C-alpha atoms as a PDB file:
ATOM      1  CA  UNK A   1      -1.402   5.769  -9.605  1.00  0.00           C
ATOM      2  CA  UNK A   2      -0.184   8.273 -12.232  1.00  0.00           C
ATOM      3  CA  UNK A   3       2.980   7.821 -13.876  1.00  0.00           C
ATOM      4  CA  UNK A   4       5.393   9.479 -11.068  1.00  0.00           C
ATOM      5  CA  UNK A   5       3.840   7.455  -8.924  1.00  0.00           C
ATOM      6  CA  UNK A   6       4.450   4.191 -10.829  1.00  0.00           C
ATOM      7  CA  UNK A   7       7.909   5.229 -11.927  1.00  0.00           C
ATOM      8  CA  UNK A   8       8.441   5.940  -8.129  1.00  0.00           C
ATOM      9  CA  UNK A   9       7.491   2.357  -6.748  1.00  0.00           C
ATOM     10  CA  UNK A  10       9.300   0.959  -9.304  1.00  0.00           C
ATOM     11  CA  UNK A  11      12.911   2.820  -8.355  1.00  0.00           C
ATOM     12  CA  UNK A  12      12.088   1.590  -4.839  1.00  0.00           C
ATOM     13  CA  UNK A  13      12.005  -2.187  -5.955  1.00  0.00           C
ATOM     14  CA  UNK A  14      15.369  -1.528  -8.027  1.00  0.00           C
ATOM     15  CA  UNK A  15      16.638  -0.029  -4.675  1.00  0.00           C
ATOM     16  CA  UNK A  16      15.813  -2.880  -2.589  1.00  0.00           C
ATOM     17  CA  UNK A  17      17.393  -5.082  -5.454  1.00  0.00           C
ATOM     18  CA  UNK A  18      20.497  -3.305  -4.975  1.00  0.00           C
ATOM     19  CA  UNK A  19      20.478  -3.607  -1.607  1.00  0.00           C
ATOM     20  CA  UNK A  20      20.878  -7.724  -1.668  1.00  0.00           C
ATOM     21  CA  UNK A  21      16.533  -7.656  -1.432  1.00  0.00           C
ATOM     22  CA  UNK A  22      16.226  -9.878  -4.513  1.00  0.00           C
ATOM     23  CA  UNK A  23      15.160 -13.576  -4.039  1.00  0.00           C
ATOM     24  CA  UNK A  24      16.735 -16.215  -6.259  1.00  0.00           C
ATOM     25  CA  UNK A  25      15.375 -18.177  -9.301  1.00  0.00           C
ATOM     26  CA  UNK A  26      14.806 -21.684 -10.251  1.00  0.00           C
ATOM     27  CA  UNK A  27      18.628 -21.803 -10.369  1.00  0.00           C
ATOM     28  CA  UNK A  28      19.337 -25.434 -10.384  1.00  0.00           C
ATOM     29  CA  UNK A  29      22.751 -24.521  -8.191  1.00  0.00           C
ATOM     30  CA  UNK A  30      21.589 -22.532  -5.812  1.00  0.00           C
ATOM     31  CA  UNK A  31      18.532 -22.517  -2.875  1.00  0.00           C
ATOM     32  CA  UNK A  32      15.631 -20.232  -3.349  1.00  0.00           C
ATOM     33  CA  UNK A  33      16.220 -16.765  -1.200  1.00  0.00           C
ATOM     34  CA  UNK A  34      12.870 -17.536   0.594  1.00  0.00           C
ATOM     35  CA  UNK A  35      12.728 -14.718   3.698  1.00  0.00           C
ATOM     36  CA  UNK A  36      13.153 -16.961   5.873  1.00  0.00           C
ATOM     37  CA  UNK A  37      14.747 -16.251   9.113  1.00  0.00           C
ATOM     38  CA  UNK A  38      17.823 -16.867  10.187  1.00  0.00           C
ATOM     39  CA  UNK A  39      19.073 -18.206  13.152  1.00  0.00           C
ATOM     40  CA  UNK A  40      19.154 -15.634  15.801  1.00  0.00           C
ATOM     41  CA  UNK A  41      18.709 -12.994  13.074  1.00  0.00           C
ATOM     42  CA  UNK A  42      15.468 -10.018  13.497  1.00  0.00           C
ATOM     43  CA  UNK A  43      12.122 -11.574  13.205  1.00  0.00           C
ATOM     44  CA  UNK A  44      10.542  -9.854  10.024  1.00  0.00           C
ATOM     45  CA  UNK A  45       7.612  -8.348  10.559  1.00  0.00           C
ATOM     46  CA  UNK A  46       4.391 -10.259  10.774  1.00  0.00           C
ATOM     47  CA  UNK A  47       6.892 -13.533  11.886  1.00  0.00           C
ATOM     48  CA  UNK A  48       6.100 -15.667  14.566  1.00  0.00           C
ATOM     49  CA  UNK A  49       1.797 -13.778  14.261  1.00  0.00           C
ATOM     50  CA  UNK A  50      -1.069 -15.612  13.290  1.00  0.00           C
ATOM     51  CA  UNK A  51      -2.407 -13.736  10.578  1.00  0.00           C
ATOM     52  CA  UNK A  52      -5.525 -12.637   9.815  1.00  0.00           C
ATOM     53  CA  UNK A  53      -7.873 -15.046   7.564  1.00  0.00           C
ATOM     54  CA  UNK A  54      -7.858 -14.346   3.643  1.00  0.00           C
ATOM     55  CA  UNK A  55     -10.884 -11.827   2.213  1.00  0.00           C
ATOM     56  CA  UNK A  56     -11.669 -15.254  -0.005  1.00  0.00           C
ATOM     57  CA  UNK A  57      -9.975 -18.658   0.149  1.00  0.00           C
ATOM     58  CA  UNK A  58      -7.643 -20.079  -2.184  1.00  0.00           C
ATOM     59  CA  UNK A  59      -9.352 -22.382  -5.221  1.00  0.00           C
ATOM     60  CA  UNK A  60      -8.760 -25.577  -4.603  1.00  0.00           C
ATOM     61  CA  UNK A  61      -6.295 -27.861  -6.932  1.00  0.00           C
ATOM     62  CA  UNK A  62      -7.844 -27.524  -9.886  1.00  0.00           C
ATOM     63  CA  UNK A  63      -8.932 -30.815 -12.248  1.00  0.00           C
ATOM     64  CA  UNK A  64      -8.574 -30.597 -15.718  1.00  0.00           C
ATOM     65  CA  UNK A  65     -10.257 -33.281 -18.041  1.00  0.00           C
ATOM     66  CA  UNK A  66      -8.489 -33.998 -21.510  1.00  0.00           C
ATOM     67  CA  UNK A  67      -5.085 -32.249 -20.318  1.00  0.00           C
ATOM     68  CA  UNK A  68      -1.629 -33.881 -19.381  1.00  0.00           C
ATOM     69  CA  UNK A  69      -0.814 -34.878 -15.254  1.00  0.00           C
ATOM     70  CA  UNK A  70       2.503 -32.616 -16.124  1.00  0.00           C
ATOM     71  CA  UNK A  71       0.675 -29.784 -17.810  1.00  0.00           C
ATOM     72  CA  UNK A  72       3.096 -27.626 -19.629  1.00  0.00           C
ATOM     73  CA  UNK A  73       0.772 -24.992 -21.962  1.00  0.00           C
ATOM     74  CA  UNK A  74      -3.004 -24.248 -22.478  1.00  0.00           C
ATOM     75  CA  UNK A  75      -5.312 -24.534 -25.761  1.00  0.00           C
ATOM     76  CA  UNK A  76      -3.700 -23.361 -28.910  1.00  0.00           C
ATOM     77  CA  UNK A  77      -7.123 -21.983 -30.343  1.00  0.00           C
ATOM     78  CA  UNK A  78      -7.518 -19.264 -27.628  1.00  0.00           C
ATOM     79  CA  UNK A  79      -6.891 -15.677 -26.869  1.00  0.00           C
ATOM     80  CA  UNK A  80      -4.872 -16.152 -23.922  1.00  0.00           C
ATOM     81  CA  UNK A  81      -1.736 -16.953 -21.703  1.00  0.00           C
ATOM     82  CA  UNK A  82      -0.786 -17.862 -17.448  1.00  0.00           C
ATOM     83  CA  UNK A  83       2.206 -15.430 -16.403  1.00  0.00           C
ATOM     84  CA  UNK A  84       2.885 -17.736 -13.625  1.00  0.00           C
ATOM     85  CA  UNK A  85       5.242 -16.746 -10.458  1.00  0.00           C
ATOM     86  CA  UNK A  86       7.796 -18.489  -8.378  1.00  0.00           C
ATOM     87  CA  UNK A  87       7.367 -17.109  -4.894  1.00  0.00           C
ATOM     88  CA  UNK A  88       9.978 -16.064  -3.198  1.00  0.00           C
ATOM     89  CA  UNK A  89      11.317 -13.024  -1.571  1.00  0.00           C
ATOM     90  CA  UNK A  90      10.774  -8.955  -0.896  1.00  0.00           C
ATOM     91  CA  UNK A  91       7.551  -8.711  -0.214  1.00  0.00           C
ATOM     92  CA  UNK A  92       7.736  -4.823  -1.863  1.00  0.00           C
ATOM     93  CA  UNK A  93       8.582  -5.895  -4.691  1.00  0.00           C
ATOM     94  CA  UNK A  94       5.797  -8.932  -5.177  1.00  0.00           C
ATOM     95  CA  UNK A  95       3.691  -6.450  -4.045  1.00  0.00           C
ATOM     96  CA  UNK A  96       4.517  -3.927  -6.666  1.00  0.00           C
ATOM     97  CA  UNK A  97       4.538  -6.842  -9.423  1.00  0.00           C
ATOM     98  CA  UNK A  98       0.950  -7.899  -8.565  1.00  0.00           C
ATOM     99  CA  UNK A  99      -0.363  -4.073  -8.492  1.00  0.00           C
ATOM    100  CA  UNK A 100       0.965  -3.614 -12.520  1.00  0.00           C
ATOM    101  CA  UNK A 101      -0.840  -6.885 -12.949  1.00  0.00           C
ATOM    102  CA  UNK A 102      -3.989  -5.429 -11.625  1.00  0.00           C
ATOM    103  CA  UNK A 103      -3.431  -2.249 -13.386  1.00  0.00           C
ATOM    104  CA  UNK A 104      -3.663  -3.860 -16.613  1.00  0.00           C
ATOM    105  CA  UNK A 105      -6.633  -5.847 -15.379  1.00  0.00           C
ATOM    106  CA  UNK A 106      -4.716  -9.049 -15.985  1.00  0.00           C
ATOM    107  CA  UNK A 107      -4.788 -12.153 -13.067  1.00  0.00           C
ATOM    108  CA  UNK A 108      -1.059 -14.510 -12.457  1.00  0.00           C
ATOM    109  CA  UNK A 109      -0.628 -17.280 -10.755  1.00  0.00           C
ATOM    110  CA  UNK A 110       1.942 -17.281  -7.954  1.00  0.00           C
ATOM    111  CA  UNK A 111       3.439 -20.655  -7.102  1.00  0.00           C
ATOM    112  CA  UNK A 112       4.580 -19.824  -3.321  1.00  0.00           C
ATOM    113  CA  UNK A 113       7.350 -21.625  -0.632  1.00  0.00           C
ATOM    114  CA  UNK A 114       6.570 -22.413   2.349  1.00  0.00           C
ATOM    115  CA  UNK A 115       9.403 -21.319   4.274  1.00  0.00           C
ATOM    116  CA  UNK A 116       8.337 -17.440   2.429  1.00  0.00           C
ATOM    117  CA  UNK A 117       4.714 -18.169   3.483  1.00  0.00           C
ATOM    118  CA  UNK A 118       6.107 -18.745   7.280  1.00  0.00           C
ATOM    119  CA  UNK A 119       7.958 -15.482   6.910  1.00  0.00           C
ATOM    120  CA  UNK A 120       5.298 -13.699   4.975  1.00  0.00           C
ATOM    121  CA  UNK A 121       2.015 -14.641   5.780  1.00  0.00           C
ATOM    122  CA  UNK A 122       0.087 -11.504   4.697  1.00  0.00           C
ATOM    123  CA  UNK A 123       1.560 -12.262   0.897  1.00  0.00           C
ATOM    124  CA  UNK A 124      -0.920 -15.052   0.502  1.00  0.00           C
ATOM    125  CA  UNK A 125      -4.023 -13.146   0.951  1.00  0.00           C
ATOM    126  CA  UNK A 126      -2.517  -9.942  -1.124  1.00  0.00           C
ATOM    127  CA  UNK A 127      -2.672 -12.690  -3.468  1.00  0.00           C
ATOM    128  CA  UNK A 128      -6.211 -13.570  -3.204  1.00  0.00           C
ATOM    129  CA  UNK A 129      -7.284 -10.042  -2.441  1.00  0.00           C
ATOM    130  CA  UNK A 130      -5.872  -9.208  -6.135  1.00  0.00           C
ATOM    131  CA  UNK A 131      -7.815 -11.897  -7.783  1.00  0.00           C
ATOM    132  CA  UNK A 132      -4.885 -13.434  -8.891  1.00  0.00           C
ATOM    133  CA  UNK A 133      -4.713 -17.532  -7.617  1.00  0.00           C
ATOM    134  CA  UNK A 134      -2.364 -19.422  -5.085  1.00  0.00           C
ATOM    135  CA  UNK A 135      -0.395 -22.599  -5.649  1.00  0.00           C
ATOM    136  CA  UNK A 136       2.300 -24.578  -3.827  1.00  0.00           C
ATOM    137  CA  UNK A 137       6.250 -24.471  -4.999  1.00  0.00           C
ATOM    138  CA  UNK A 138       7.775 -27.383  -2.437  1.00  0.00           C
ATOM    139  CA  UNK A 139       8.717 -26.255   1.557  1.00  0.00           C
ATOM    140  CA  UNK A 140      12.087 -25.351   1.142  1.00  0.00           C
ATOM    141  CA  UNK A 141      12.713 -24.640  -2.459  1.00  0.00           C
ATOM    142  CA  UNK A 142      15.276 -28.207  -2.633  1.00  0.00           C
ATOM    143  CA  UNK A 143      16.056 -29.602  -5.648  1.00  0.00           C
ATOM    144  CA  UNK A 144      13.172 -32.055  -5.224  1.00  0.00           C
ATOM    145  CA  UNK A 145      13.601 -34.594  -7.786  1.00  0.00           C
ATOM    146  CA  UNK A 146      16.631 -35.962  -6.750  1.00  0.00           C
ATOM    147  CA  UNK A 147      15.168 -36.117  -2.849  1.00  0.00           C
ATOM    148  CA  UNK A 148      14.346 -39.395  -1.480  1.00  0.00           C
ATOM    149  CA  UNK A 149      10.583 -39.803  -2.075  1.00  0.00           C
ATOM    150  CA  UNK A 150       9.928 -39.175   2.134  1.00  0.00           C
ATOM    151  CA  UNK A 151      12.364 -36.178   1.840  1.00  0.00           C
ATOM    152  CA  UNK A 152      10.150 -35.020  -1.896  1.00  0.00           C
ATOM    153  CA  UNK A 153       6.595 -36.138   0.058  1.00  0.00           C
ATOM    154  CA  UNK A 154       7.542 -33.610   2.935  1.00  0.00           C
ATOM    155  CA  UNK A 155       8.636 -30.880   0.720  1.00  0.00           C
ATOM    156  CA  UNK A 156       5.292 -31.009  -1.390  1.00  0.00           C
ATOM    157  CA  UNK A 157       2.825 -31.513   1.754  1.00  0.00           C
ATOM    158  CA  UNK A 158       5.187 -29.131   4.096  1.00  0.00           C
ATOM    159  CA  UNK A 159       3.838 -26.305   1.571  1.00  0.00           C
ATOM    160  CA  UNK A 160       0.101 -27.544   1.615  1.00  0.00           C
ATOM    161  CA  UNK A 161       0.142 -27.714   5.157  1.00  0.00           C
ATOM    162  CA  UNK A 162       0.833 -24.060   5.333  1.00  0.00           C
ATOM    163  CA  UNK A 163      -1.554 -23.282   2.874  1.00  0.00           C
ATOM    164  CA  UNK A 164      -4.174 -24.857   3.616  1.00  0.00           C
ATOM    165  CA  UNK A 165      -3.671 -23.183   7.050  1.00  0.00           C
ATOM    166  CA  UNK A 166      -3.743 -19.501   5.965  1.00  0.00           C
ATOM    167  CA  UNK A 167      -6.047 -20.308   2.779  1.00  0.00           C
ATOM    168  CA  UNK A 168      -8.151 -22.754   3.797  1.00  0.00           C
ATOM    169  CA  UNK A 169      -7.222 -25.436   0.630  1.00  0.00           C
ATOM    170  CA  UNK A 170      -3.343 -26.340  -0.297  1.00  0.00           C
ATOM    171  CA  UNK A 171      -4.404 -24.321  -3.193  1.00  0.00           C
ATOM    172  CA  UNK A 172      -5.019 -25.022  -7.101  1.00  0.00           C
ATOM    173  CA  UNK A 173      -1.547 -26.288  -8.321  1.00  0.00           C
ATOM    174  CA  UNK A 174       1.886 -27.787  -7.825  1.00  0.00           C
ATOM    175  CA  UNK A 175       4.961 -26.955  -9.701  1.00  0.00           C
ATOM    176  CA  UNK A 176       8.507 -28.830  -8.465  1.00  0.00           C
ATOM    177  CA  UNK A 177      11.369 -27.150  -7.698  1.00  0.00           C
ATOM    178  CA  UNK A 178      14.667 -26.821  -9.111  1.00  0.00           C
ATOM    179  CA  UNK A 179      13.328 -28.172 -12.653  1.00  0.00           C
ATOM    180  CA  UNK A 180      11.009 -27.267 -15.314  1.00  0.00           C
ATOM    181  CA  UNK A 181       9.485 -31.224 -14.790  1.00  0.00           C
ATOM    182  CA  UNK A 182       8.631 -34.053 -12.397  1.00  0.00           C
ATOM    183  CA  UNK A 183      10.153 -36.789 -12.260  1.00  0.00           C
ATOM    184  CA  UNK A 184       7.236 -39.758 -12.689  1.00  0.00           C
ATOM    185  CA  UNK A 185       8.046 -40.669  -8.980  1.00  0.00           C
ATOM    186  CA  UNK A 186       7.115 -36.609  -7.699  1.00  0.00           C
ATOM    187  CA  UNK A 187       4.397 -36.528  -9.843  1.00  0.00           C
ATOM    188  CA  UNK A 188       3.069 -39.454  -8.362  1.00  0.00           C
ATOM    189  CA  UNK A 189       3.633 -38.182  -4.877  1.00  0.00           C
ATOM    190  CA  UNK A 190       1.738 -35.077  -6.005  1.00  0.00           C
ATOM    191  CA  UNK A 191      -1.269 -37.109  -7.126  1.00  0.00           C
ATOM    192  CA  UNK A 192      -1.180 -38.629  -3.452  1.00  0.00           C
ATOM    193  CA  UNK A 193      -0.155 -35.034  -1.664  1.00  0.00           C
ATOM    194  CA  UNK A 194      -3.771 -34.672  -3.924  1.00  0.00           C
ATOM    195  CA  UNK A 195      -2.584 -32.098  -6.882  1.00  0.00           C
ATOM    196  CA  UNK A 196      -4.119 -33.836  -9.758  1.00  0.00           C
ATOM    197  CA  UNK A 197      -1.824 -32.157 -12.425  1.00  0.00           C
ATOM    198  CA  UNK A 198       2.010 -30.630 -11.748  1.00  0.00           C
ATOM    199  CA  UNK A 199       2.190 -27.013 -13.361  1.00  0.00           C
ATOM    200  CA  UNK A 200       5.061 -26.923 -15.421  1.00  0.00           C
ATOM    201  CA  UNK A 201       6.001 -24.229 -18.456  1.00  0.00           C
ATOM    202  CA  UNK A 202       6.483 -23.922 -21.758  1.00  0.00           C
ATOM    203  CA  UNK A 203       8.553 -20.354 -21.935  1.00  0.00           C
ATOM    204  CA  UNK A 204      11.632 -19.559 -19.263  1.00  0.00           C
ATOM    205  CA  UNK A 205      11.203 -15.977 -18.886  1.00  0.00           C
ATOM    206  CA  UNK A 206      14.969 -16.440 -17.403  1.00  0.00           C
ATOM    207  CA  UNK A 207      14.615 -13.573 -14.979  1.00  0.00           C
ATOM    208  CA  UNK A 208      16.035 -15.301 -12.027  1.00  0.00           C
ATOM    209  CA  UNK A 209      19.686 -14.454 -13.650  1.00  0.00           C
ATOM    210  CA  UNK A 210      18.497 -10.548 -13.432  1.00  0.00           C
ATOM    211  CA  UNK A 211      19.746  -9.958 -17.027  1.00  0.00           C
ATOM    212  CA  UNK A 212      17.788  -6.543 -17.006  1.00  0.00           C
ATOM    213  CA  UNK A 213      14.131  -5.086 -17.677  1.00  0.00           C
ATOM    214  CA  UNK A 214      14.328  -4.828 -21.642  1.00  0.00           C
ATOM    215  CA  UNK A 215      15.915  -8.941 -21.720  1.00  0.00           C
ATOM    216  CA  UNK A 216      13.110 -10.520 -19.799  1.00  0.00           C
ATOM    217  CA  UNK A 217      10.728  -8.464 -21.991  1.00  0.00           C
ATOM    218  CA  UNK A 218      12.489  -9.836 -24.950  1.00  0.00           C
ATOM    219  CA  UNK A 219      12.439 -12.983 -24.137  1.00  0.00           C
ATOM    220  CA  UNK A 220       8.408 -13.824 -23.488  1.00  0.00           C
ATOM    221  CA  UNK A 221       7.466 -12.010 -26.027  1.00  0.00           C
ATOM    222  CA  UNK A 222       9.731 -13.537 -28.102  1.00  0.00           C
ATOM    223  CA  UNK A 223       8.759 -17.079 -27.619  1.00  0.00           C
ATOM    224  CA  UNK A 224       4.949 -16.718 -25.710  1.00  0.00           C
ATOM    225  CA  UNK A 225       1.886 -17.569 -28.042  1.00  0.00           C
ATOM    226  CA  UNK A 226      -1.887 -18.910 -27.126  1.00  0.00           C
ATOM    227  CA  UNK A 227      -1.760 -20.994 -24.303  1.00  0.00           C
ATOM    228  CA  UNK A 228       1.644 -20.863 -23.278  1.00  0.00           C
ATOM    229  CA  UNK A 229       2.572 -21.106 -19.532  1.00  0.00           C
ATOM    230  CA  UNK A 230       4.947 -18.350 -18.769  1.00  0.00           C
ATOM    231  CA  UNK A 231       7.595 -18.599 -16.017  1.00  0.00           C
ATOM    232  CA  UNK A 232       8.621 -15.768 -13.931  1.00  0.00           C
ATOM    233  CA  UNK A 233       9.438 -15.346 -10.300  1.00  0.00           C
ATOM    234  CA  UNK A 234       8.837 -12.692  -7.835  1.00  0.00           C
ATOM    235  CA  UNK A 235      11.813 -10.644  -6.129  1.00  0.00           C
ATOM    236  CA  UNK A 236      12.714  -9.331  -8.885  1.00  0.00           C
ATOM    237  CA  UNK A 237      12.860  -6.038  -9.686  1.00  0.00           C
ATOM    238  CA  UNK A 238      13.241  -6.264 -13.341  1.00  0.00           C
ATOM    239  CA  UNK A 239      10.727  -8.962 -13.468  1.00  0.00           C
ATOM    240  CA  UNK A 240       8.663  -5.683 -12.144  1.00  0.00           C
ATOM    241  CA  UNK A 241      10.329  -3.340 -14.475  1.00  0.00           C
ATOM    242  CA  UNK A 242       9.243  -5.614 -17.048  1.00  0.00           C
ATOM    243  CA  UNK A 243       5.488  -6.342 -16.595  1.00  0.00           C
ATOM    244  CA  UNK A 244       3.764  -3.575 -18.297  1.00  0.00           C
ATOM    245  CA  UNK A 245       5.902  -3.386 -21.252  1.00  0.00           C
ATOM    246  CA  UNK A 246       5.287  -7.653 -21.223  1.00  0.00           C
ATOM    247  CA  UNK A 247       1.383  -7.314 -20.700  1.00  0.00           C
ATOM    248  CA  UNK A 248       1.457  -4.261 -23.302  1.00  0.00           C
ATOM    249  CA  UNK A 249       2.960  -6.551 -26.265  1.00  0.00           C
ATOM    250  CA  UNK A 250      -0.034  -9.128 -24.827  1.00  0.00           C
ATOM    251  CA  UNK A 251      -2.233  -6.448 -25.480  1.00  0.00           C
ATOM    252  CA  UNK A 252      -1.285  -5.961 -28.951  1.00  0.00           C
ATOM    253  CA  UNK A 253      -0.789  -9.534 -30.198  1.00  0.00           C
ATOM    254  CA  UNK A 254      -5.181  -9.891 -28.923  1.00  0.00           C
ATOM    255  CA  UNK A 255      -4.160 -11.629 -25.565  1.00  0.00           C
ATOM    256  CA  UNK A 256      -4.592 -11.184 -22.388  1.00  0.00           C
ATOM    257  CA  UNK A 257      -2.682 -13.043 -18.840  1.00  0.00           C
ATOM    258  CA  UNK A 258      -5.208 -15.013 -17.340  1.00  0.00           C
ATOM    259  CA  UNK A 259      -4.566 -16.977 -14.276  1.00  0.00           C
ATOM    260  CA  UNK A 260      -3.568 -21.065 -15.232  1.00  0.00           C
ATOM    261  CA  UNK A 261      -7.192 -22.453 -14.048  1.00  0.00           C
ATOM    262  CA  UNK A 262      -8.454 -20.099 -15.943  1.00  0.00           C
ATOM    263  CA  UNK A 263      -6.248 -20.741 -19.290  1.00  0.00           C
ATOM    264  CA  UNK A 264      -7.158 -24.883 -19.219  1.00  0.00           C
ATOM    265  CA  UNK A 265     -10.280 -24.441 -17.659  1.00  0.00           C
END
């Protein structure tokens, strides 16, 4: 893709954002825009159809001996970081972001919201085909730490069921929704559902607030270091635009973006 083509993609992403296509992030005061179909509204492309089998299966849940049940970062002595994305929102923005990562030779981790997978099942295949990894970010993106045990467990297993149907496994990781860290209750429920670890993060990009690409870039590069797990979001045009300079900044520091599994194992 030429520089002109890339700028066209980013302009298209920004236009989509302006039209209201952006997903909200893990703001504790609002739910995630998952791309689910409103009652009585038009069905998105692919909704209600049996999705094609992915080219490759998702990794099964990652087990990292020696690391805590709730993981915030990887080894500080290496040269890698993990860029992790809360998975929801406009699939065009998500596809543009994945393409930018692949162009730079980077691999990322996407923690998908289950209702987003219902509405956009082809995104599971797109993520895996790019060499990225896929995990669980609950079914409806509710405040999971505030839910009763039965409801919290249903949020975890509901998304796990969708991942299994689409990819053959429940995905590599579980990340709780609308919170940075899971409670002991939620951590135990995740283990019961088949996830040895809960994936947190040590760097919050704050991109869900849509501060603009330069601010997202500064926030990440001012805080990131070897072993960092960075929280970002699909569905935000500013994040798509910020990703190339973030990856370039990592490269200049001798760091590379890898999947979270690669970071910790």
